[in-house]
C-alpha cells in the first residue's frame, strides 16, 4: 500500500525532526515503558527519538522503521559511534511488517497516522505486533488547533494549501481529534488521552520556525506537490514563503501547535470476550 509523506525529507524538514527527543516528544509514554522492553518505532525518521527510547529500555532491543531508505541511512549515521545499546534501523512498512505477531512489548509512532489513508488499519497491524500486555504510544498534531500572531495572509494561504494537499494524499491534518476513534476501531478497549502544545514565542524560535516553513514551501515535497497538482504556482509559493519569513521576524510573533497523545494496552483476552 503506497502512502505519501506530505513533508518529504528535505533538509528543512529533517532539521526540525532532529530536534525531537524521547523527552520532548514521547514524555507521555516513557513512564509506561516496561524495563528491558522490545520496542518498535514506526516512522522513525532520523532516529533521534528512537535513540532516546533505546536508552530508556536498555538492554532491551529497539528497532526503528521508516518507508524512506534515505532517512534510514540518516538515522544510522546519526547514532553511529554512540553507545545506543541494541538499536537498529531498517526500511519497513507498517501495513506489511516483517515481524511476527506478539514481537514487541512497546510500539511508538510520532506524527505518522495523519499521513496515512487507513490509520485504523495501521493501528490494527501495530496491535497484532504487540505482546499481550504490551503498550503503544501515539502522538498526532491537530492543525485545526493552530494559533499564531500576528495574522499573515501568506501563512493563512499555506494552511489552506496544506489541508488541500493532505486530503489529496488521503491524509488527515486534524488527526489529533480522531485518535480515540481510530484506536477503538483498531480494537483497543483502554486508552489514556493527553494533550500538549509546541509553541514558538521568542525571537530565535520564531525566526527559525518561519525560515524552516519558508524553505518547506519552496523546496520540500509540499511545494513540489502543490505545483504538480495545480494547487499553486511557483510565484504564489514564493509569496507564501515571504509571509513566513516576515512573520518570523516580527517582534511579537507567536505560534502554537496542539497535539493529542494516546497510550493504550493490548490486554489479555478473557475467554469469549473481545479486547
Protein backbone atom coordinates (compact mmCIF):
# COMPACT_ATOMS: atom_id res chain seq x y z
CA UNK A 1 0.00 0.00 0.00
CA UNK A 2 1.56 3.28 -1.14
CA UNK A 3 1.47 6.22 1.27
CA UNK A 4 2.73 9.75 0.71
CA UNK A 5 4.64 11.58 3.42
CA UNK A 6 3.46 15.12 2.74
CA UNK A 7 6.56 16.91 4.05
CA UNK A 8 9.13 14.68 2.38
CA UNK A 9 12.72 14.60 3.63
CA UNK A 10 14.25 17.89 2.51
CA UNK A 11 16.87 19.22 4.93
CA UNK A 12 14.41 21.89 6.12
CA UNK A 13 12.19 19.04 7.34
CA UNK A 14 14.93 16.92 8.86
CA UNK A 15 16.36 19.91 10.76
CA UNK A 16 13.10 20.12 12.71
CA UNK A 17 12.91 16.36 13.14
CA UNK A 18 16.43 16.14 14.55
CA UNK A 19 15.31 18.48 17.35
CA UNK A 20 12.91 15.82 18.61
CA UNK A 21 13.93 13.65 21.55
CA UNK A 22 12.23 10.98 23.62
CA UNK A 23 11.89 13.53 26.40
CA UNK A 24 10.26 16.35 24.40
CA UNK A 25 8.19 14.16 22.05
CA UNK A 26 7.44 10.92 23.90
CA UNK A 27 7.32 12.01 27.52
CA UNK A 28 3.72 10.85 27.86
CA UNK A 29 4.86 7.27 27.11
CA UNK A 30 8.17 6.98 28.96
CA UNK A 31 6.72 6.10 32.38
CA UNK A 32 4.78 3.23 30.81
CA UNK A 33 7.74 1.57 29.07
CA UNK A 34 8.49 -1.84 30.60
CA UNK A 35 12.11 -2.42 31.63
CA UNK A 36 14.19 -4.43 29.17
CA UNK A 37 11.43 -3.96 26.58
CA UNK A 38 11.44 -4.86 22.91
CA UNK A 39 10.43 -1.59 21.21
CA UNK A 40 9.34 -0.72 17.68
CA UNK A 41 9.35 2.90 16.46
CA UNK A 42 7.08 3.19 13.41
CA UNK A 43 8.01 6.06 11.09
CA UNK A 44 11.23 6.74 12.98
CA UNK A 45 12.58 9.47 10.68
CA UNK A 46 16.16 10.49 11.53
CA UNK A 47 16.08 8.41 14.71
CA UNK A 48 16.63 10.94 17.48
CA UNK A 49 13.52 9.83 19.40
CA UNK A 50 14.31 6.17 18.70
CA UNK A 51 17.76 6.52 20.23
CA UNK A 52 16.25 8.00 23.38
CA UNK A 53 13.76 5.16 23.65
CA UNK A 54 16.63 2.67 23.25
CA UNK A 55 18.49 4.22 26.16
CA UNK A 56 15.35 4.02 28.31
CA UNK A 57 14.76 0.29 27.76
CA UNK A 58 18.37 -0.92 27.61
CA UNK A 59 19.36 -3.72 27.46
CA UNK A 60 16.12 -4.35 25.57
CA UNK A 61 16.17 -4.13 21.79
CA UNK A 62 14.78 -1.12 19.87
CA UNK A 63 14.08 -1.10 16.13
CA UNK A 64 13.17 1.95 14.07
CA UNK A 65 11.42 1.54 10.72
CA UNK A 66 10.62 4.06 8.01
CA UNK A 67 9.46 3.88 4.40
CA UNK A 68 12.30 6.12 3.21
CA UNK A 69 15.67 4.41 2.57
CA UNK A 70 17.36 7.82 2.62
CA UNK A 71 16.10 8.78 6.06
CA UNK A 72 17.02 5.33 7.41
CA UNK A 73 20.61 5.97 6.30
CA UNK A 74 20.42 9.36 8.04
CA UNK A 75 19.27 7.63 11.24
CA UNK A 76 22.09 5.09 11.08
CA UNK A 77 24.66 7.84 10.58
CA UNK A 78 23.24 9.94 13.39
CA UNK A 79 23.78 7.26 16.04
CA UNK A 80 26.98 5.78 14.60
CA UNK A 81 29.58 5.51 17.33
CA UNK A 82 27.12 6.30 20.12
CA UNK A 83 26.53 3.89 22.99
CA UNK A 84 22.95 3.14 21.95
CA UNK A 85 22.82 -0.47 23.11
CA UNK A 86 20.63 -2.74 20.97
CA UNK A 87 19.37 -0.21 18.45
CA UNK A 88 18.86 -0.73 14.73
CA UNK A 89 17.12 0.95 11.81
CA UNK A 90 15.61 -0.57 8.69
CA UNK A 91 13.26 0.20 5.84
CA UNK A 92 9.82 -1.08 6.75
CA UNK A 93 6.10 -0.69 6.07
CA UNK A 94 3.63 -0.85 8.95
CA UNK A 95 1.00 -2.39 6.64
CA UNK A 96 3.38 -5.22 5.72
CA UNK A 97 5.72 -5.73 8.70
CA UNK A 98 8.35 -8.42 8.57
CA UNK A 99 7.94 -9.13 12.29
CA UNK A 100 5.97 -11.97 13.81
CA UNK A 101 2.84 -11.33 15.85
CA UNK A 102 3.39 -10.57 19.56
CA UNK A 103 7.01 -9.49 18.92
CA UNK A 104 7.11 -6.21 20.86
CA UNK A 105 6.48 -5.00 24.39
CA UNK A 106 6.05 -1.41 23.23
CA UNK A 107 5.31 0.37 19.94
CA UNK A 108 5.67 4.09 19.29
CA UNK A 109 4.52 6.28 16.39
CA UNK A 110 5.10 10.02 16.26
CA UNK A 111 3.19 12.17 13.75
CA UNK A 112 2.65 9.21 11.43
CA UNK A 113 -1.07 8.39 11.32
CA UNK A 114 -2.02 11.83 9.97
CA UNK A 115 -0.30 10.92 6.70
CA UNK A 116 -1.93 7.51 6.26
CA UNK A 117 -5.03 6.77 4.22
CA UNK A 118 -6.01 3.94 6.61
CA UNK A 119 -4.86 4.91 10.11
CA UNK A 120 -7.15 2.44 11.89
CA UNK A 121 -5.74 -0.39 9.81
CA UNK A 122 -2.20 0.73 10.63
CA UNK A 123 -3.07 0.65 14.34
CA UNK A 124 -4.61 -2.79 13.89
CA UNK A 125 -1.33 -4.03 12.39
CA UNK A 126 0.61 -2.50 15.27
CA UNK A 127 -1.74 -4.13 17.77
CA UNK A 128 -1.03 -7.52 16.20
CA UNK A 129 2.70 -6.94 16.74
CA UNK A 130 2.23 -6.22 20.45
CA UNK A 131 2.67 -8.95 23.00
CA UNK A 132 -0.16 -9.43 25.48
CA UNK A 133 0.01 -6.57 27.98
CA UNK A 134 2.17 -4.53 25.58
CA UNK A 135 1.81 -0.76 25.36
CA UNK A 136 1.52 1.60 22.40
CA UNK A 137 2.05 5.36 22.34
CA UNK A 138 0.94 7.64 19.51
CA UNK A 139 1.20 11.41 19.19
CA UNK A 140 -0.50 13.41 16.43
CA UNK A 141 -0.79 17.11 15.69
CA UNK A 142 -4.16 18.73 15.09
CA UNK A 143 -3.61 21.51 12.58
CA UNK A 144 -7.13 22.80 13.29
CA UNK A 145 -5.88 23.93 16.68
CA UNK A 146 -3.07 26.05 15.24
CA UNK A 147 -2.86 29.62 16.53
CA UNK A 148 -0.46 32.37 15.53
CA UNK A 149 0.04 36.11 15.80
CA UNK A 150 0.19 38.48 14.04
CA UNK A 151 -2.18 37.41 11.28
CA UNK A 152 -0.45 36.84 7.97
CA UNK A 153 -2.08 36.21 4.56
CA UNK A 154 0.82 34.07 3.36
CA UNK A 155 0.58 31.76 6.37
CA UNK A 156 -3.21 31.58 6.04
CA UNK A 157 -2.79 30.51 2.44
CA UNK A 158 -0.18 27.96 3.50
CA UNK A 159 -2.65 26.35 5.90
CA UNK A 160 -5.32 26.21 3.19
CA UNK A 161 -2.82 24.62 0.83
CA UNK A 162 -1.64 22.18 3.48
CA UNK A 163 -5.20 20.94 4.02
CA UNK A 164 -5.72 20.57 0.28
CA UNK A 165 -2.51 18.59 -0.13
CA UNK A 166 -3.10 16.37 2.89
CA UNK A 167 -6.63 15.46 1.82
CA UNK A 168 -5.48 14.94 -1.78
CA UNK A 169 -2.99 12.38 -0.43
CA UNK A 170 -5.66 10.69 1.71
CA UNK A 171 -4.30 12.04 5.00
CA UNK A 172 -5.99 13.81 7.92
CA UNK A 173 -4.41 17.09 9.05
CA UNK A 174 -6.73 17.21 12.08
CA UNK A 175 -5.53 13.78 13.19
CA UNK A 176 -5.33 14.60 16.87
CA UNK A 177 -9.08 14.75 17.37
CA UNK A 178 -9.59 11.40 15.62
CA UNK A 179 -7.17 9.32 17.70
CA UNK A 180 -9.68 7.87 20.18
CA UNK A 181 -11.89 6.70 17.33
CA UNK A 182 -9.01 5.19 15.38
CA UNK A 183 -7.82 3.29 18.46
CA UNK A 184 -11.33 1.98 19.14
CA UNK A 185 -11.68 0.86 15.54
CA UNK A 186 -8.36 -0.98 15.87
CA UNK A 187 -9.64 -2.96 18.87
CA UNK A 188 -8.05 -1.12 21.80
CA UNK A 189 -10.51 -1.08 24.68
CA UNK A 190 -8.49 1.05 27.11
CA UNK A 191 -6.87 4.34 26.13
CA UNK A 192 -5.37 7.20 28.10
CA UNK A 193 -5.54 10.51 26.27
CA UNK A 194 -3.49 13.62 26.98
CA UNK A 195 -2.72 16.81 25.10
CA UNK A 196 0.30 19.07 24.78
CA UNK A 197 1.46 22.04 22.76
CA UNK A 198 4.56 23.13 20.92
CA UNK A 199 4.98 26.88 20.84
CA UNK A 200 7.45 29.34 19.36
CA UNK A 201 7.47 32.54 21.35
CA UNK A 202 10.92 34.13 21.32
CA UNK A 203 12.91 35.82 18.58
CA UNK A 204 15.24 32.91 17.82
CA UNK A 205 12.43 30.33 17.81
CA UNK A 206 10.06 32.30 15.59
CA UNK A 207 12.78 33.17 13.09
CA UNK A 208 13.83 29.51 12.87
CA UNK A 209 10.22 28.29 12.56
CA UNK A 210 9.39 30.88 9.92
CA UNK A 211 12.54 30.04 7.98
CA UNK A 212 12.01 26.28 8.03
CA UNK A 213 8.46 26.64 6.75
CA UNK A 214 9.55 29.12 4.10
CA UNK A 215 12.07 26.53 2.91
CA UNK A 216 9.50 23.74 3.06
CA UNK A 217 7.12 25.82 0.97
CA UNK A 218 9.74 26.39 -1.71
CA UNK A 219 11.86 23.26 -1.70
CA UNK A 220 10.18 20.31 0.04
CA UNK A 221 7.57 17.84 -1.11
CA UNK A 222 4.90 20.37 -0.06
CA UNK A 223 5.89 22.86 -2.73
CA UNK A 224 6.62 20.21 -5.35
CA UNK A 225 3.20 18.58 -4.97
CA UNK A 226 1.35 21.91 -4.82
CA UNK A 227 2.73 22.78 -8.25
CA UNK A 228 2.31 19.24 -9.62
CA UNK A 229 -1.35 19.12 -8.57
CA UNK A 230 -2.02 22.59 -9.93
CA UNK A 231 -2.93 23.97 -6.50
CA UNK A 232 -0.36 26.77 -6.52
CA UNK A 233 2.14 28.46 -8.83
CA UNK A 234 5.84 28.98 -8.05
CA UNK A 235 5.08 32.70 -7.74
CA UNK A 236 2.38 32.04 -5.14
CA UNK A 237 4.72 29.73 -3.21
CA UNK A 238 7.33 32.49 -3.14
CA UNK A 239 4.72 34.86 -1.69
CA UNK A 240 3.79 32.29 0.98
CA UNK A 241 7.47 31.81 1.88
CA UNK A 242 7.91 35.58 2.19
CA UNK A 243 4.93 35.61 4.55
CA UNK A 244 6.54 33.00 6.79
CA UNK A 245 9.81 34.92 6.91
CA UNK A 246 8.14 38.26 7.62
CA UNK A 247 6.10 36.72 10.43
CA UNK A 248 9.18 35.07 11.94
CA UNK A 249 10.96 38.44 12.22
CA UNK A 250 8.03 40.24 13.85
CA UNK A 251 8.88 41.26 17.45
CA UNK A 252 5.55 39.92 18.75
CA UNK A 253 5.44 36.70 16.72
CA UNK A 254 3.81 33.69 18.38
CA UNK A 255 2.93 30.26 17.00
CA UNK A 256 1.34 27.29 18.78
CA UNK A 257 0.55 23.74 17.62
CA UNK A 258 -1.66 21.36 19.60
CA UNK A 259 -1.01 17.62 19.87
CA UNK A 260 -3.06 14.67 21.10
CA UNK A 261 -1.29 11.74 22.76
CA UNK A 262 -2.72 8.28 23.35
CA UNK A 263 -1.34 5.43 25.42
CA UNK A 264 -3.11 2.07 25.09
CA UNK A 265 -2.53 -1.53 26.09
CA UNK A 266 -3.13 -4.87 24.44
CA UNK A 267 -4.95 -6.61 27.25
CA UNK A 268 -5.10 -10.37 27.57
CA UNK A 269 -8.33 -11.69 26.16
CA UNK A 270 -10.78 -13.30 28.55
CA UNK A 271 -12.33 -16.42 27.08
CA UNK A 272 -15.29 -15.45 24.92
CA UNK A 273 -14.58 -11.72 25.24
CA UNK A 274 -13.09 -9.20 22.90
CA UNK A 275 -10.21 -6.90 23.87
